[in-house]
Amino acid sequence: MAPLLPGVAVLRDLSRSMAVLEAILSPDDWESRHHSFDAAWDSAEEMGSMRNGSGDEYSIVFSAGGAYIRGFDHEAAMSPYGNDGPWPGVLDSVPDVFRHCVLEPAFCDEDGMPLVTACLWREVGDSGWRVGEIDYPEGESDPDGSAHLFALLTDPAPEAFQRFAEDYYEVRVDLDAVRHVYALRPLTQAVVSALNADVALEDLADDLATARYPYGTAR
């Protein structure tokens, strides 16, 4: 999975774009959205995240040190609930710059156990994403759930998001509008209306500020 992920900057922009698109498609129901982005997750960190409502999720922490990815597929063979804790090797090699993420309460259950089946990181200066030394269970096509969890991250094309959104929201999703947002061009009322005719640009002000996404006039 690691070789398929884009670089940190591209991943950050992709996370912002997907969060904004879902804010437009589901403006009144934050809980139903899969993707979100918080540019003020911490004083020195930003976070992109996904929750599918069925117990699967990921979090990407962006910082000056690089990026840390934590994924949890509740049905994966490497689930900590089926192995008395995180699978050996998944978290053991996380570098010091990201160690605080391992036990971050938001990434753990109520007993403090890390909710993780897949973990990747990339420090500044790294040439690619890294993972721990792991003996994966045999006979499993996706033992840590990473192929399932990170499908839209490893296929960073507007068409991929369009397919996801049309299936999930059961509406037609304008591909040109998706391309506009994926390119991080300033959001306008015309683009918003192409995605959701019932939403005004000014209604998205909080979501756009949270994602630090640029926007233009309401015309």
N, C-alpha and C. Protein backbone atom coordinates (compact mmCIF):
# COMPACT_ATOMS: atom_id res chain seq x y z
N MET A 1 0.82 -1.21 0.00
CA MET A 1 0.00 0.00 0.00
C MET A 1 0.86 1.26 0.00
N ALA A 2 1.95 1.26 0.76
CA ALA A 2 2.78 2.46 0.89
C ALA A 2 3.23 3.03 -0.45
N PRO A 3 3.67 2.21 -1.41
CA PRO A 3 4.13 2.78 -2.68
C PRO A 3 3.01 3.44 -3.49
N LEU A 4 1.77 3.14 -3.19
CA LEU A 4 0.65 3.66 -3.97
C LEU A 4 0.17 5.02 -3.48
N LEU A 5 0.55 5.42 -2.29
CA LEU A 5 0.08 6.68 -1.74
C LEU A 5 0.85 7.86 -2.34
N PRO A 6 0.15 8.97 -2.58
CA PRO A 6 0.85 10.17 -3.07
C PRO A 6 1.70 10.80 -1.97
N GLY A 7 2.48 11.80 -2.32
CA GLY A 7 3.29 12.50 -1.34
C GLY A 7 2.45 13.27 -0.34
N VAL A 8 3.12 13.78 0.68
CA VAL A 8 2.42 14.44 1.78
C VAL A 8 1.61 15.65 1.30
N ALA A 9 2.19 16.50 0.49
CA ALA A 9 1.48 17.71 0.03
C ALA A 9 0.25 17.35 -0.79
N VAL A 10 0.39 16.39 -1.67
CA VAL A 10 -0.74 15.96 -2.50
C VAL A 10 -1.82 15.34 -1.62
N LEU A 11 -1.41 14.54 -0.63
CA LEU A 11 -2.37 13.88 0.26
C LEU A 11 -3.13 14.91 1.08
N ARG A 12 -2.44 15.95 1.51
CA ARG A 12 -3.10 17.01 2.28
C ARG A 12 -4.14 17.73 1.42
N ASP A 13 -3.76 18.09 0.20
CA ASP A 13 -4.70 18.77 -0.68
C ASP A 13 -5.89 17.88 -1.03
N LEU A 14 -5.63 16.62 -1.26
CA LEU A 14 -6.71 15.67 -1.54
C LEU A 14 -7.67 15.57 -0.37
N SER A 15 -7.14 15.53 0.83
CA SER A 15 -7.98 15.44 2.03
C SER A 15 -8.85 16.68 2.18
N ARG A 16 -8.28 17.83 1.92
CA ARG A 16 -9.05 19.08 1.98
C ARG A 16 -10.18 19.08 0.94
N SER A 17 -9.84 18.65 -0.25
CA SER A 17 -10.82 18.66 -1.34
C SER A 17 -12.00 17.73 -1.03
N MET A 18 -11.72 16.52 -0.59
CA MET A 18 -12.80 15.58 -0.30
C MET A 18 -13.68 16.09 0.83
N ALA A 19 -13.09 16.72 1.83
CA ALA A 19 -13.87 17.26 2.95
C ALA A 19 -14.81 18.36 2.46
N VAL A 20 -14.33 19.24 1.61
CA VAL A 20 -15.16 20.33 1.10
C VAL A 20 -16.27 19.79 0.21
N LEU A 21 -15.96 18.84 -0.63
CA LEU A 21 -16.99 18.25 -1.49
C LEU A 21 -18.11 17.63 -0.67
N GLU A 22 -17.75 16.93 0.40
CA GLU A 22 -18.79 16.33 1.22
C GLU A 22 -19.56 17.37 2.04
N ALA A 23 -18.91 18.47 2.38
CA ALA A 23 -19.63 19.55 3.06
C ALA A 23 -20.71 20.13 2.15
N ILE A 24 -20.42 20.17 0.86
CA ILE A 24 -21.41 20.67 -0.10
C ILE A 24 -22.52 19.64 -0.29
N LEU A 25 -22.17 18.39 -0.41
CA LEU A 25 -23.16 17.35 -0.66
C LEU A 25 -24.01 17.04 0.56
N SER A 26 -23.47 17.24 1.74
CA SER A 26 -24.20 16.94 2.98
C SER A 26 -24.01 18.08 3.97
N PRO A 27 -24.57 19.26 3.67
CA PRO A 27 -24.29 20.44 4.50
C PRO A 27 -24.90 20.41 5.89
N ASP A 28 -26.00 19.71 6.06
CA ASP A 28 -26.73 19.74 7.33
C ASP A 28 -26.52 18.51 8.19
N ASP A 29 -25.76 17.56 7.70
CA ASP A 29 -25.60 16.30 8.44
C ASP A 29 -24.13 15.92 8.45
N TRP A 30 -23.39 16.52 9.38
CA TRP A 30 -21.96 16.26 9.46
C TRP A 30 -21.67 14.79 9.72
N GLU A 31 -22.50 14.15 10.51
CA GLU A 31 -22.26 12.76 10.88
C GLU A 31 -22.33 11.81 9.70
N SER A 32 -23.06 12.20 8.65
CA SER A 32 -23.19 11.31 7.50
C SER A 32 -22.01 11.43 6.54
N ARG A 33 -21.18 12.45 6.72
CA ARG A 33 -20.04 12.62 5.82
C ARG A 33 -18.95 11.59 6.12
N HIS A 34 -18.31 11.12 5.08
CA HIS A 34 -17.17 10.23 5.27
C HIS A 34 -15.90 11.01 5.60
N HIS A 35 -15.65 12.09 4.88
CA HIS A 35 -14.37 12.78 4.96
C HIS A 35 -14.47 14.14 5.63
N SER A 36 -13.46 14.47 6.40
CA SER A 36 -13.40 15.78 7.04
C SER A 36 -11.94 16.22 7.10
N PHE A 37 -11.75 17.50 7.33
CA PHE A 37 -10.40 18.05 7.46
C PHE A 37 -10.44 19.18 8.46
N ASP A 38 -9.52 19.15 9.41
CA ASP A 38 -9.44 20.18 10.45
C ASP A 38 -8.05 20.79 10.42
N ALA A 39 -7.97 22.00 9.89
CA ALA A 39 -6.68 22.70 9.78
C ALA A 39 -6.19 23.19 11.13
N ALA A 40 -7.03 23.12 12.15
CA ALA A 40 -6.64 23.54 13.50
C ALA A 40 -6.82 22.38 14.48
N TRP A 41 -6.51 21.17 14.02
CA TRP A 41 -6.60 19.98 14.88
C TRP A 41 -5.77 20.18 16.15
N ASP A 42 -4.60 20.78 16.01
CA ASP A 42 -3.73 21.09 17.13
C ASP A 42 -3.00 22.38 16.76
N SER A 43 -2.34 22.96 17.70
CA SER A 43 -1.66 24.22 17.42
C SER A 43 -0.64 24.11 16.30
N ALA A 44 -0.08 22.91 16.11
CA ALA A 44 0.94 22.74 15.08
C ALA A 44 0.64 21.55 14.17
N GLU A 45 -0.62 21.11 14.16
CA GLU A 45 -0.98 19.94 13.36
C GLU A 45 -2.33 20.14 12.67
N GLU A 46 -2.47 19.52 11.52
CA GLU A 46 -3.74 19.45 10.80
C GLU A 46 -4.12 17.98 10.69
N MET A 47 -5.42 17.71 10.50
CA MET A 47 -5.82 16.31 10.38
C MET A 47 -6.90 16.13 9.33
N GLY A 48 -6.65 15.17 8.45
CA GLY A 48 -7.66 14.69 7.53
C GLY A 48 -8.17 13.36 8.06
N SER A 49 -9.46 13.11 7.91
CA SER A 49 -9.99 11.88 8.47
C SER A 49 -11.13 11.32 7.63
N MET A 50 -11.42 10.04 7.85
CA MET A 50 -12.52 9.36 7.20
C MET A 50 -13.19 8.44 8.21
N ARG A 51 -14.51 8.47 8.23
CA ARG A 51 -15.30 7.51 9.00
C ARG A 51 -16.47 7.10 8.14
N ASN A 52 -16.65 5.79 7.95
CA ASN A 52 -17.71 5.36 7.05
C ASN A 52 -19.01 5.01 7.75
N GLY A 53 -19.08 5.21 9.07
CA GLY A 53 -20.31 4.94 9.79
C GLY A 53 -20.53 3.48 10.12
N SER A 54 -19.64 2.62 9.66
CA SER A 54 -19.77 1.19 9.91
C SER A 54 -18.63 0.64 10.75
N GLY A 55 -17.85 1.55 11.33
CA GLY A 55 -16.76 1.13 12.21
C GLY A 55 -15.38 1.20 11.60
N ASP A 56 -15.30 1.66 10.35
CA ASP A 56 -13.99 1.79 9.69
C ASP A 56 -13.61 3.26 9.62
N GLU A 57 -12.33 3.56 9.78
CA GLU A 57 -11.90 4.95 9.81
C GLU A 57 -10.41 5.07 9.56
N TYR A 58 -10.00 6.29 9.21
CA TYR A 58 -8.57 6.60 9.19
C TYR A 58 -8.36 8.03 9.63
N SER A 59 -7.16 8.33 10.05
CA SER A 59 -6.76 9.68 10.44
C SER A 59 -5.38 9.95 9.85
N ILE A 60 -5.19 11.14 9.31
CA ILE A 60 -3.89 11.54 8.79
C ILE A 60 -3.49 12.83 9.49
N VAL A 61 -2.43 12.77 10.25
CA VAL A 61 -1.94 13.93 10.98
C VAL A 61 -0.80 14.56 10.18
N PHE A 62 -0.99 15.83 9.81
CA PHE A 62 0.02 16.57 9.06
C PHE A 62 0.72 17.55 10.00
N SER A 63 2.03 17.53 10.00
CA SER A 63 2.78 18.41 10.89
C SER A 63 4.08 18.84 10.20
N ALA A 64 4.85 19.67 10.88
CA ALA A 64 6.13 20.09 10.33
C ALA A 64 7.08 18.91 10.15
N GLY A 65 6.84 17.84 10.92
CA GLY A 65 7.71 16.67 10.83
C GLY A 65 7.37 15.73 9.69
N GLY A 66 6.20 15.93 9.06
CA GLY A 66 5.77 15.05 7.98
C GLY A 66 4.31 14.68 8.14
N ALA A 67 3.99 13.40 8.02
CA ALA A 67 2.60 12.95 8.14
C ALA A 67 2.54 11.54 8.71
N TYR A 68 1.50 11.30 9.49
CA TYR A 68 1.28 10.01 10.15
C TYR A 68 -0.12 9.54 9.78
N ILE A 69 -0.24 8.30 9.33
CA ILE A 69 -1.54 7.74 8.93
C ILE A 69 -1.88 6.57 9.82
N ARG A 70 -3.09 6.61 10.37
CA ARG A 70 -3.60 5.51 11.19
C ARG A 70 -4.93 5.06 10.60
N GLY A 71 -5.01 3.76 10.24
CA GLY A 71 -6.23 3.23 9.68
C GLY A 71 -6.77 2.11 10.55
N PHE A 72 -8.10 2.00 10.61
CA PHE A 72 -8.74 0.94 11.41
C PHE A 72 -9.91 0.35 10.64
N ASP A 73 -9.77 -0.92 10.30
CA ASP A 73 -10.85 -1.68 9.66
C ASP A 73 -11.33 -2.69 10.69
N HIS A 74 -12.56 -2.52 11.16
CA HIS A 74 -13.02 -3.32 12.30
C HIS A 74 -13.19 -4.80 11.95
N GLU A 75 -13.25 -5.14 10.66
CA GLU A 75 -13.39 -6.53 10.27
C GLU A 75 -12.08 -7.13 9.76
N ALA A 76 -11.02 -6.38 9.77
CA ALA A 76 -9.74 -6.88 9.25
C ALA A 76 -9.17 -7.98 10.14
N ALA A 77 -8.42 -8.86 9.51
CA ALA A 77 -7.80 -9.95 10.27
C ALA A 77 -6.83 -9.42 11.32
N MET A 78 -6.31 -8.23 11.10
CA MET A 78 -5.34 -7.65 12.02
C MET A 78 -5.97 -6.70 13.04
N SER A 79 -7.27 -6.82 13.24
CA SER A 79 -7.95 -5.98 14.23
C SER A 79 -7.38 -6.24 15.62
N PRO A 80 -7.13 -5.19 16.40
CA PRO A 80 -6.60 -5.38 17.77
C PRO A 80 -7.57 -6.14 18.66
N TYR A 81 -8.85 -6.13 18.33
CA TYR A 81 -9.82 -6.83 19.17
C TYR A 81 -9.77 -8.34 18.99
N GLY A 82 -9.17 -8.78 17.91
CA GLY A 82 -9.03 -10.21 17.72
C GLY A 82 -7.65 -10.72 18.05
N ASN A 83 -6.78 -9.81 18.51
CA ASN A 83 -5.38 -10.18 18.73
C ASN A 83 -4.82 -9.66 20.04
N ASP A 84 -5.71 -9.29 20.95
CA ASP A 84 -5.28 -8.80 22.27
C ASP A 84 -4.36 -7.60 22.15
N GLY A 85 -4.72 -6.67 21.27
CA GLY A 85 -3.92 -5.47 21.08
C GLY A 85 -3.48 -5.32 19.63
N PRO A 86 -2.86 -4.20 19.29
CA PRO A 86 -2.40 -3.99 17.92
C PRO A 86 -1.51 -5.12 17.43
N TRP A 87 -1.65 -5.44 16.14
CA TRP A 87 -0.86 -6.52 15.54
C TRP A 87 0.62 -6.22 15.68
N PRO A 88 1.42 -7.23 16.05
CA PRO A 88 2.87 -7.01 16.24
C PRO A 88 3.51 -6.35 15.02
N GLY A 89 4.29 -5.31 15.29
CA GLY A 89 5.02 -4.62 14.25
C GLY A 89 4.33 -3.40 13.67
N VAL A 90 3.02 -3.32 13.84
CA VAL A 90 2.27 -2.21 13.22
C VAL A 90 2.71 -0.87 13.80
N LEU A 91 2.88 -0.81 15.12
CA LEU A 91 3.21 0.45 15.78
C LEU A 91 4.62 0.50 16.35
N ASP A 92 5.31 -0.62 16.36
CA ASP A 92 6.59 -0.71 17.06
C ASP A 92 7.66 0.23 16.53
N SER A 93 7.63 0.52 15.23
CA SER A 93 8.71 1.31 14.62
C SER A 93 8.33 2.75 14.34
N VAL A 94 7.18 3.20 14.85
CA VAL A 94 6.78 4.59 14.64
C VAL A 94 7.86 5.51 15.22
N PRO A 95 8.40 6.44 14.43
CA PRO A 95 9.49 7.30 14.93
C PRO A 95 9.02 8.28 16.00
N ASP A 96 9.98 8.78 16.74
CA ASP A 96 9.67 9.65 17.88
C ASP A 96 8.81 10.84 17.51
N VAL A 97 9.01 11.39 16.32
CA VAL A 97 8.27 12.60 15.94
C VAL A 97 6.77 12.33 15.86
N PHE A 98 6.39 11.07 15.71
CA PHE A 98 4.97 10.71 15.62
C PHE A 98 4.49 9.85 16.78
N ARG A 99 5.33 9.58 17.76
CA ARG A 99 4.94 8.66 18.84
C ARG A 99 3.72 9.16 19.61
N HIS A 100 3.56 10.47 19.71
CA HIS A 100 2.41 10.98 20.45
C HIS A 100 1.09 10.62 19.78
N CYS A 101 1.15 10.34 18.47
CA CYS A 101 -0.07 9.97 17.75
C CYS A 101 -0.53 8.56 18.09
N VAL A 102 0.40 7.71 18.49
CA VAL A 102 0.06 6.32 18.76
C VAL A 102 -0.98 6.20 19.86
N LEU A 103 -0.80 6.98 20.93
CA LEU A 103 -1.72 6.92 22.07
C LEU A 103 -2.63 8.15 22.14
N GLU A 104 -2.75 8.86 21.06
CA GLU A 104 -3.69 9.98 21.00
C GLU A 104 -5.10 9.45 21.35
N PRO A 105 -5.76 10.04 22.37
CA PRO A 105 -7.07 9.53 22.79
C PRO A 105 -8.09 9.41 21.66
N ALA A 106 -8.04 10.32 20.71
CA ALA A 106 -9.00 10.26 19.60
C ALA A 106 -8.78 9.05 18.71
N PHE A 107 -7.60 8.42 18.82
CA PHE A 107 -7.28 7.27 17.98
C PHE A 107 -7.31 5.97 18.78
N CYS A 108 -7.86 6.03 19.98
CA CYS A 108 -7.91 4.86 20.86
C CYS A 108 -9.35 4.62 21.32
N ASP A 109 -9.61 3.42 21.85
CA ASP A 109 -10.94 3.16 22.40
C ASP A 109 -11.01 3.69 23.83
N GLU A 110 -12.12 3.45 24.50
CA GLU A 110 -12.34 4.01 25.83
C GLU A 110 -11.38 3.44 26.87
N ASP A 111 -10.73 2.31 26.56
CA ASP A 111 -9.76 1.72 27.47
C ASP A 111 -8.33 2.11 27.12
N GLY A 112 -8.17 2.98 26.13
CA GLY A 112 -6.84 3.45 25.76
C GLY A 112 -6.10 2.57 24.77
N MET A 113 -6.79 1.57 24.21
CA MET A 113 -6.12 0.72 23.22
C MET A 113 -6.18 1.38 21.84
N PRO A 114 -5.04 1.49 21.16
CA PRO A 114 -5.04 2.08 19.82
C PRO A 114 -5.95 1.33 18.86
N LEU A 115 -6.82 2.06 18.20
CA LEU A 115 -7.67 1.49 17.18
C LEU A 115 -6.90 1.56 15.86
N VAL A 116 -6.20 0.52 15.54
CA VAL A 116 -5.32 0.55 14.37
C VAL A 116 -5.16 -0.85 13.78
N THR A 117 -5.28 -0.93 12.48
CA THR A 117 -4.92 -2.15 11.76
C THR A 117 -3.83 -1.85 10.74
N ALA A 118 -3.71 -0.57 10.35
CA ALA A 118 -2.69 -0.15 9.39
C ALA A 118 -2.08 1.16 9.84
N CYS A 119 -0.78 1.28 9.72
CA CYS A 119 -0.11 2.51 10.14
C CYS A 119 1.05 2.79 9.18
N LEU A 120 1.09 4.03 8.70
CA LEU A 120 2.17 4.46 7.82
C LEU A 120 2.62 5.84 8.25
N TRP A 121 3.84 6.20 7.90
CA TRP A 121 4.35 7.52 8.24
C TRP A 121 5.37 7.96 7.20
N ARG A 122 5.56 9.25 7.13
CA ARG A 122 6.56 9.80 6.21
C ARG A 122 7.13 11.06 6.82
N GLU A 123 8.39 10.98 7.23
CA GLU A 123 9.07 12.14 7.79
C GLU A 123 9.59 13.04 6.68
N VAL A 124 9.81 14.30 7.02
CA VAL A 124 10.42 15.21 6.07
C VAL A 124 11.78 14.63 5.67
N GLY A 125 12.03 14.57 4.38
CA GLY A 125 13.27 14.00 3.89
C GLY A 125 13.14 12.56 3.45
N ASP A 126 12.08 11.86 3.89
CA ASP A 126 11.87 10.49 3.44
C ASP A 126 11.51 10.48 1.95
N SER A 127 11.94 9.45 1.26
CA SER A 127 11.63 9.34 -0.16
C SER A 127 10.32 8.61 -0.42
N GLY A 128 9.73 8.07 0.63
CA GLY A 128 8.46 7.35 0.48
C GLY A 128 7.84 7.09 1.84
N TRP A 129 6.64 6.50 1.81
CA TRP A 129 5.95 6.13 3.04
C TRP A 129 6.58 4.89 3.64
N ARG A 130 6.57 4.81 4.96
CA ARG A 130 7.18 3.70 5.66
C ARG A 130 6.17 2.98 6.53
N VAL A 131 6.41 1.71 6.75
CA VAL A 131 5.59 0.89 7.64
C VAL A 131 6.53 0.07 8.51
N GLY A 132 5.99 -0.54 9.53
CA GLY A 132 6.79 -1.38 10.41
C GLY A 132 7.12 -2.73 9.78
N GLU A 133 7.95 -3.48 10.48
CA GLU A 133 8.28 -4.84 10.06
C GLU A 133 7.18 -5.76 10.57
N ILE A 134 6.38 -6.25 9.63
CA ILE A 134 5.15 -6.95 10.00
C ILE A 134 5.08 -8.31 9.32
N ASP A 135 4.74 -9.33 10.08
CA ASP A 135 4.42 -10.64 9.51
C ASP A 135 2.90 -10.68 9.32
N TYR A 136 2.47 -10.49 8.09
CA TYR A 136 1.04 -10.43 7.81
C TYR A 136 0.42 -11.82 7.86
N PRO A 137 -0.82 -11.92 8.30
CA PRO A 137 -1.48 -13.24 8.33
C PRO A 137 -1.63 -13.80 6.92
N GLU A 138 -1.47 -15.08 6.79
CA GLU A 138 -1.56 -15.72 5.48
C GLU A 138 -3.02 -15.94 5.09
N GLY A 139 -3.22 -16.01 3.78
CA GLY A 139 -4.55 -16.32 3.27
C GLY A 139 -5.53 -15.17 3.29
N GLU A 140 -5.03 -13.95 3.49
CA GLU A 140 -5.90 -12.77 3.54
C GLU A 140 -5.49 -11.81 2.43
N SER A 141 -6.46 -11.41 1.61
CA SER A 141 -6.14 -10.51 0.50
C SER A 141 -5.92 -9.08 0.97
N ASP A 142 -6.54 -8.69 2.08
CA ASP A 142 -6.40 -7.32 2.61
C ASP A 142 -6.38 -7.42 4.13
N PRO A 143 -5.31 -7.99 4.70
CA PRO A 143 -5.32 -8.32 6.13
C PRO A 143 -5.45 -7.14 7.07
N ASP A 144 -4.96 -5.96 6.66
CA ASP A 144 -5.05 -4.79 7.54
C ASP A 144 -6.13 -3.81 7.09
N GLY A 145 -6.84 -4.14 6.01
CA GLY A 145 -7.91 -3.27 5.53
C GLY A 145 -7.43 -2.06 4.76
N SER A 146 -6.13 -1.95 4.51
CA SER A 146 -5.61 -0.73 3.90
C SER A 146 -6.13 -0.51 2.48
N ALA A 147 -6.28 -1.57 1.70
CA ALA A 147 -6.79 -1.40 0.34
C ALA A 147 -8.20 -0.83 0.37
N HIS A 148 -8.97 -1.27 1.31
CA HIS A 148 -10.34 -0.79 1.48
C HIS A 148 -10.37 0.63 2.04
N LEU A 149 -9.60 0.86 3.07
CA LEU A 149 -9.63 2.15 3.76
C LEU A 149 -9.10 3.29 2.90
N PHE A 150 -8.03 3.03 2.18
CA PHE A 150 -7.31 4.10 1.48
C PHE A 150 -7.58 4.14 -0.02
N ALA A 151 -8.69 3.56 -0.44
CA ALA A 151 -8.98 3.45 -1.88
C ALA A 151 -9.00 4.80 -2.57
N LEU A 152 -9.59 5.82 -1.94
CA LEU A 152 -9.66 7.14 -2.57
C LEU A 152 -8.36 7.92 -2.43
N LEU A 153 -7.47 7.46 -1.58
CA LEU A 153 -6.16 8.10 -1.43
C LEU A 153 -5.17 7.57 -2.46
N THR A 154 -5.29 6.30 -2.79
CA THR A 154 -4.39 5.70 -3.77
C THR A 154 -4.89 5.90 -5.20
N ASP A 155 -6.11 6.39 -5.35
CA ASP A 155 -6.65 6.74 -6.67
C ASP A 155 -7.12 8.19 -6.60
N PRO A 156 -6.19 9.14 -6.60
CA PRO A 156 -6.53 10.55 -6.37
C PRO A 156 -7.08 11.24 -7.62
N ALA A 157 -7.99 10.58 -8.31
CA ALA A 157 -8.58 11.15 -9.52
C ALA A 157 -10.00 11.63 -9.20
N PRO A 158 -10.42 12.74 -9.77
CA PRO A 158 -11.79 13.23 -9.54
C PRO A 158 -12.85 12.18 -9.87
N GLU A 159 -12.59 11.36 -10.88
CA GLU A 159 -13.55 10.33 -11.26
C GLU A 159 -13.78 9.33 -10.15
N ALA A 160 -12.75 9.04 -9.37
CA ALA A 160 -12.88 8.10 -8.26
C ALA A 160 -13.82 8.66 -7.20
N PHE A 161 -13.65 9.95 -6.88
CA PHE A 161 -14.54 10.56 -5.90
C PHE A 161 -15.97 10.63 -6.45
N GLN A 162 -16.11 10.96 -7.72
CA GLN A 162 -17.44 11.00 -8.31
C GLN A 162 -18.16 9.66 -8.15
N ARG A 163 -17.47 8.57 -8.44
CA ARG A 163 -18.08 7.24 -8.30
C ARG A 163 -18.47 6.97 -6.86
N PHE A 164 -17.58 7.30 -5.93
CA PHE A 164 -17.89 7.11 -4.51
C PHE A 164 -19.12 7.90 -4.11
N ALA A 165 -19.15 9.19 -4.45
CA ALA A 165 -20.23 10.07 -4.01
C ALA A 165 -21.57 9.70 -4.63
N GLU A 166 -21.55 9.32 -5.90
CA GLU A 166 -22.81 8.94 -6.55
C GLU A 166 -23.37 7.67 -5.92
N ASP A 167 -22.49 6.76 -5.55
CA ASP A 167 -22.94 5.53 -4.90
C ASP A 167 -23.43 5.80 -3.48
N TYR A 168 -22.69 6.60 -2.73
CA TYR A 168 -23.03 6.83 -1.33
C TYR A 168 -24.22 7.77 -1.16
N TYR A 169 -24.22 8.88 -1.87
CA TYR A 169 -25.29 9.87 -1.70
C TYR A 169 -26.47 9.63 -2.64
N GLU A 170 -26.30 8.73 -3.60
CA GLU A 170 -27.36 8.38 -4.54
C GLU A 170 -27.90 9.60 -5.28
N VAL A 171 -26.98 10.44 -5.74
CA VAL A 171 -27.32 11.61 -6.54
C VAL A 171 -26.31 11.71 -7.68
N ARG A 172 -26.66 12.47 -8.70
CA ARG A 172 -25.71 12.74 -9.76
C ARG A 172 -24.69 13.74 -9.25
N VAL A 173 -23.43 13.50 -9.50
CA VAL A 173 -22.36 14.37 -9.04
C VAL A 173 -21.63 14.93 -10.26
N ASP A 174 -21.61 16.25 -10.39
CA ASP A 174 -21.02 16.92 -11.55
C ASP A 174 -19.51 16.76 -11.54
N LEU A 175 -18.97 16.11 -12.57
CA LEU A 175 -17.53 15.81 -12.61
C LEU A 175 -16.70 17.08 -12.75
N ASP A 176 -17.16 18.05 -13.53
CA ASP A 176 -16.39 19.28 -13.68
C ASP A 176 -16.28 20.03 -12.35
N ALA A 177 -17.33 19.98 -11.55
CA ALA A 177 -17.29 20.62 -10.24
C ALA A 177 -16.31 19.91 -9.32
N VAL A 178 -16.30 18.59 -9.39
CA VAL A 178 -15.34 17.82 -8.59
C VAL A 178 -13.91 18.17 -9.02
N ARG A 179 -13.69 18.26 -10.31
CA ARG A 179 -12.36 18.63 -10.80
C ARG A 179 -11.95 20.01 -10.32
N HIS A 180 -12.89 20.93 -10.28
CA HIS A 180 -12.62 22.29 -9.79
C HIS A 180 -12.12 22.25 -8.35
N VAL A 181 -12.81 21.50 -7.51
CA VAL A 181 -12.43 21.42 -6.10
C VAL A 181 -11.14 20.63 -5.92
N TYR A 182 -10.95 19.57 -6.69
CA TYR A 182 -9.71 18.79 -6.60
C TYR A 182 -8.50 19.65 -6.98
N ALA A 183 -8.72 20.63 -7.83
CA ALA A 183 -7.64 21.52 -8.23
C ALA A 183 -7.44 22.66 -7.25
N LEU A 184 -8.24 22.68 -6.19
CA LEU A 184 -8.18 23.71 -5.15
C LEU A 184 -8.39 25.11 -5.71
N ARG A 185 -9.19 25.21 -6.76
CA ARG A 185 -9.54 26.53 -7.27
C ARG A 185 -10.57 27.15 -6.35
N PRO A 186 -10.58 28.46 -6.20
CA PRO A 186 -11.52 29.11 -5.28
C PRO A 186 -12.96 28.68 -5.54
N LEU A 187 -13.65 28.35 -4.48
CA LEU A 187 -15.03 27.88 -4.59
C LEU A 187 -15.96 29.05 -4.91
N THR A 188 -16.86 28.85 -5.83
CA THR A 188 -17.84 29.86 -6.22
C THR A 188 -19.24 29.29 -6.08
N GLN A 189 -20.24 30.17 -6.13
CA GLN A 189 -21.61 29.71 -6.05
C GLN A 189 -21.97 28.79 -7.22
N ALA A 190 -21.42 29.08 -8.39
CA ALA A 190 -21.72 28.25 -9.56
C ALA A 190 -21.25 26.81 -9.34
N VAL A 191 -20.08 26.64 -8.76
CA VAL A 191 -19.57 25.30 -8.50
C VAL A 191 -20.41 24.62 -7.42
N VAL A 192 -20.74 25.35 -6.37
CA VAL A 192 -21.57 24.80 -5.30
C VAL A 192 -22.91 24.34 -5.86
N SER A 193 -23.54 25.19 -6.68
CA SER A 193 -24.86 24.87 -7.24
C SER A 193 -24.80 23.66 -8.16
N ALA A 194 -23.70 23.50 -8.86
CA ALA A 194 -23.56 22.33 -9.73
C ALA A 194 -23.55 21.03 -8.94
N LEU A 195 -23.10 21.11 -7.69
CA LEU A 195 -23.06 19.93 -6.83
C LEU A 195 -24.30 19.79 -5.96
N ASN A 196 -24.84 20.92 -5.52
CA ASN A 196 -26.03 20.89 -4.65
C ASN A 196 -26.77 22.22 -4.80
N ALA A 197 -27.86 22.19 -5.53
CA ALA A 197 -28.60 23.42 -5.85
C ALA A 197 -29.23 24.06 -4.62
N ASP A 198 -29.28 23.33 -3.52
CA ASP A 198 -29.94 23.85 -2.31
C ASP A 198 -28.98 24.51 -1.34
N VAL A 199 -27.71 24.64 -1.71
CA VAL A 199 -26.70 25.18 -0.80
C VAL A 199 -26.17 26.51 -1.32
N ALA A 200 -26.07 27.48 -0.41
CA ALA A 200 -25.47 28.78 -0.75
C ALA A 200 -24.01 28.79 -0.29
N LEU A 201 -23.19 29.48 -1.03
CA LEU A 201 -21.76 29.54 -0.72
C LEU A 201 -21.52 30.04 0.70
N GLU A 202 -22.28 31.05 1.11
CA GLU A 202 -22.04 31.60 2.44
C GLU A 202 -22.37 30.61 3.55
N ASP A 203 -23.22 29.62 3.26
CA ASP A 203 -23.56 28.61 4.27
C ASP A 203 -22.39 27.69 4.56
N LEU A 204 -21.40 27.69 3.70
CA LEU A 204 -20.25 26.80 3.84
C LEU A 204 -19.05 27.49 4.49
N ALA A 205 -19.24 28.70 4.96
CA ALA A 205 -18.12 29.49 5.46
C ALA A 205 -17.34 28.77 6.56
N ASP A 206 -18.04 28.17 7.51
CA ASP A 206 -17.35 27.49 8.60
C ASP A 206 -16.55 26.29 8.10
N ASP A 207 -17.16 25.50 7.21
CA ASP A 207 -16.47 24.32 6.67
C ASP A 207 -15.24 24.73 5.86
N LEU A 208 -15.37 25.79 5.09
CA LEU A 208 -14.24 26.25 4.28
C LEU A 208 -13.12 26.79 5.15
N ALA A 209 -13.48 27.48 6.22
CA ALA A 209 -12.47 27.98 7.14
C ALA A 209 -11.76 26.83 7.85
N THR A 210 -12.52 25.81 8.24
CA THR A 210 -11.94 24.67 8.93
C THR A 210 -10.95 23.93 8.04
N ALA A 211 -11.25 23.86 6.75
CA ALA A 211 -10.36 23.19 5.80
C ALA A 211 -9.34 24.13 5.18
N ARG A 212 -9.45 25.43 5.51
CA ARG A 212 -8.60 26.45 4.89
C ARG A 212 -8.67 26.36 3.36
N TYR A 213 -9.90 26.29 2.88
CA TYR A 213 -10.12 26.18 1.45
C TYR A 213 -10.51 27.56 0.90
N PRO A 214 -9.94 27.98 -0.22
CA PRO A 214 -10.23 29.31 -0.75
C PRO A 214 -11.62 29.40 -1.39
N TYR A 215 -12.22 30.56 -1.30
CA TYR A 215 -13.50 30.73 -1.98
C TYR A 215 -13.62 32.16 -2.49
N GLY A 216 -14.47 32.30 -3.51
CA GLY A 216 -14.65 33.60 -4.15
C GLY A 216 -15.91 34.29 -3.73
N THR A 217 -16.50 35.04 -4.64
CA THR A 217 -17.73 35.74 -4.33
C THR A 217 -18.91 34.78 -4.43
N ALA A 218 -20.03 35.19 -3.91
CA ALA A 218 -21.21 34.35 -3.93
C ALA A 218 -21.90 34.35 -5.28
N ARG A 219 -21.46 35.17 -6.21
CA ARG A 219 -22.14 35.27 -7.51
C ARG A 219 -21.78 34.04 -8.36
